Protein backbone atom coordinates (compact mmCIF):
# COMPACT_ATOMS: atom_id res chain seq x y z
CA MET A 1 3.54 23.87 22.13
CA LEU A 2 5.11 26.45 20.42
CA SER A 3 2.42 29.39 22.12
CA ALA A 4 2.86 27.62 25.38
CA HIS A 5 7.05 27.30 25.65
CA GLY A 6 8.13 29.63 23.32
CA VAL A 7 11.58 29.60 22.01
CA TYR A 8 12.28 26.94 24.38
CA ALA A 9 9.88 24.57 22.53
CA TYR A 10 12.67 23.71 20.14
CA LEU A 11 14.85 22.60 22.93
CA ILE A 12 12.64 20.77 24.49
CA GLU A 13 12.07 18.57 21.22
CA ALA A 14 15.05 18.08 20.42
CA ILE A 15 15.52 16.56 24.10
CA LEU A 16 12.11 14.63 23.86
CA ILE A 17 13.72 13.04 20.01
CA PHE A 18 16.98 11.98 21.70
CA GLY A 19 15.04 10.32 24.68
CA PHE A 20 12.46 8.65 23.19
CA ALA A 21 14.90 7.10 20.12
CA VAL A 22 17.69 5.85 22.74
CA SER A 23 14.44 4.13 24.98
CA ILE A 24 12.71 2.92 22.29
CA LEU A 25 15.89 1.31 20.76
CA PHE A 26 16.25 -0.30 24.41
CA LEU A 27 13.16 -1.65 24.35
CA LEU A 28 14.01 -2.53 20.77
CA THR A 29 17.09 -4.74 21.84
CA PHE A 30 15.23 -6.33 24.80
CA ILE A 31 12.59 -7.60 22.37
CA LEU A 32 14.93 -8.56 19.81
CA HIS A 33 17.28 -10.48 22.38
CA LEU A 34 13.98 -12.51 23.64
CA VAL A 35 12.80 -13.74 20.36
CA TYR A 36 16.50 -14.69 19.23
CA ARG A 37 16.70 -16.75 22.11
CA LEU A 38 13.16 -18.15 21.93
CA ILE A 39 13.45 -19.42 18.80
CA GLY A 40 17.29 -21.34 19.83
CA GLY A 41 19.89 -18.25 19.40
CA LYS A 42 22.96 -18.14 21.67
CA GLY A 43 24.77 -14.69 21.88
CA PRO A 44 24.43 -11.62 24.17
CA VAL A 45 22.58 -9.17 24.84
CA LEU A 46 24.92 -6.66 22.93
CA ASN A 47 24.57 -8.87 19.87
CA ALA A 48 20.73 -7.54 19.82
CA TRP A 49 21.77 -4.14 20.62
CA LYS A 50 23.78 -4.50 17.00
CA ALA A 51 20.73 -5.91 15.42
CA ALA A 52 18.52 -3.00 16.32
CA CYS A 53 21.38 -0.45 15.53
CA TYR A 54 22.01 -2.08 12.17
CA GLY A 55 18.12 -2.43 11.05
CA VAL A 56 17.29 1.54 12.84
CA GLY A 57 20.30 2.59 10.37
CA SER A 58 18.51 2.22 6.81
CA CYS A 59 15.13 3.93 8.46
CA LEU A 60 17.65 6.71 9.61
CA LEU A 61 18.87 7.43 5.94
CA GLY A 62 15.51 6.94 3.43
CA GLY A 63 12.62 6.33 6.33
CA PHE A 64 11.47 9.98 6.32
CA LEU A 65 11.04 9.69 2.37
CA PRO A 66 8.19 8.92 0.85
CA TYR A 67 7.89 5.21 -0.98
CA VAL A 68 11.81 4.90 0.28
CA SER A 69 10.54 4.29 3.44
CA LEU A 70 8.56 1.44 2.58
CA PHE A 71 11.81 -0.23 1.08
CA ALA A 72 14.00 1.43 3.84
CA GLY A 73 11.37 -0.32 6.54
CA PHE A 74 11.51 -3.93 5.00
CA TYR A 75 15.47 -3.77 4.93
CA SER A 76 15.21 -3.03 8.34
CA PHE A 77 12.97 -5.56 9.63
CA ALA A 78 14.45 -8.32 7.10
CA MET A 79 18.14 -7.15 9.11
CA GLN A 80 16.64 -7.32 12.67
CA PHE A 81 14.29 -10.32 12.31
CA TYR A 82 15.87 -12.63 9.40
CA LEU A 83 19.73 -11.99 9.07
CA GLY A 84 20.20 -10.43 12.75
CA PRO A 85 19.57 -14.12 14.13
CA MET A 86 21.25 -16.05 12.38
CA VAL A 87 24.57 -14.14 12.03
CA LEU A 88 24.81 -12.61 15.65
CA TYR A 89 23.16 -15.56 17.34
CA ARG A 90 23.76 -18.44 15.28
CA VAL A 91 20.36 -19.22 14.60
CA LYS A 92 19.48 -22.18 11.59
CA GLU A 93 17.89 -20.13 8.38
CA GLY A 94 14.79 -22.48 8.83
CA ARG A 95 14.01 -20.77 12.35
CA ALA A 96 14.84 -17.13 11.26
CA ILE A 97 12.82 -17.49 8.23
CA ILE A 98 9.72 -18.70 10.06
CA VAL A 99 10.17 -16.12 12.68
CA PHE A 100 10.35 -13.18 9.73
CA VAL A 101 7.39 -15.02 7.96
CA VAL A 102 5.32 -14.76 10.90
CA PHE A 103 6.39 -11.35 11.62
CA ILE A 104 5.52 -9.73 8.41
CA ALA A 105 1.85 -12.07 8.42
CA MET A 106 1.37 -10.24 11.58
CA THR A 107 1.81 -6.86 10.26
CA PHE A 108 -0.31 -7.28 7.43
CA VAL A 109 -3.08 -8.85 9.91
CA GLU A 110 -2.71 -5.63 12.02
CA MET A 111 -3.00 -3.48 8.44
CA ILE A 112 -6.17 -5.12 7.58
CA ALA A 113 -7.71 -5.67 10.80
CA SER A 114 -7.35 -1.73 11.27
CA GLY A 115 -7.95 -0.54 7.71
CA THR A 116 -4.94 1.16 7.49
CA THR A 117 -1.97 0.68 4.41
CA VAL A 118 1.57 2.14 4.54
CA GLY A 119 1.76 5.65 5.23
CA PHE A 120 -2.16 6.46 6.55
C-alpha cells in the first residue's frame, strides 16, 4: 500500500484502523446483547456496550504483547461472557457459567478443527 499511495498510506491506515475498530465494537455489542437476552438477561443495549468496552480494554493494554495476549484475551472473554451477563443483565450465575464454558469449548473445537494454536 505504501508504494501505491506514498506517504498518504499512513493516513489511510489510521482511518481504516479507527473505522474497523468502531464497527467491530458495534458488532460485538450487538452479539453480546443477543447472547445476554437469549440466556434470560434483562438490560438495555448500553449495558452490552459497557461489557464490550470493558472486555476490549484489557486487550488494548496487553493484547499486542507475546504471551501476555493469551491472558489478556482470556480476561477479556471472562469479562464479556461471565461477569458481563451477571452484573449488567442480572443473569443467574449458573447460566453465565454455561455460556462461558460453551464458548470456551467452541474456541478449542475451532482451534483443533483448523489445526491452529494461539498465535499461529
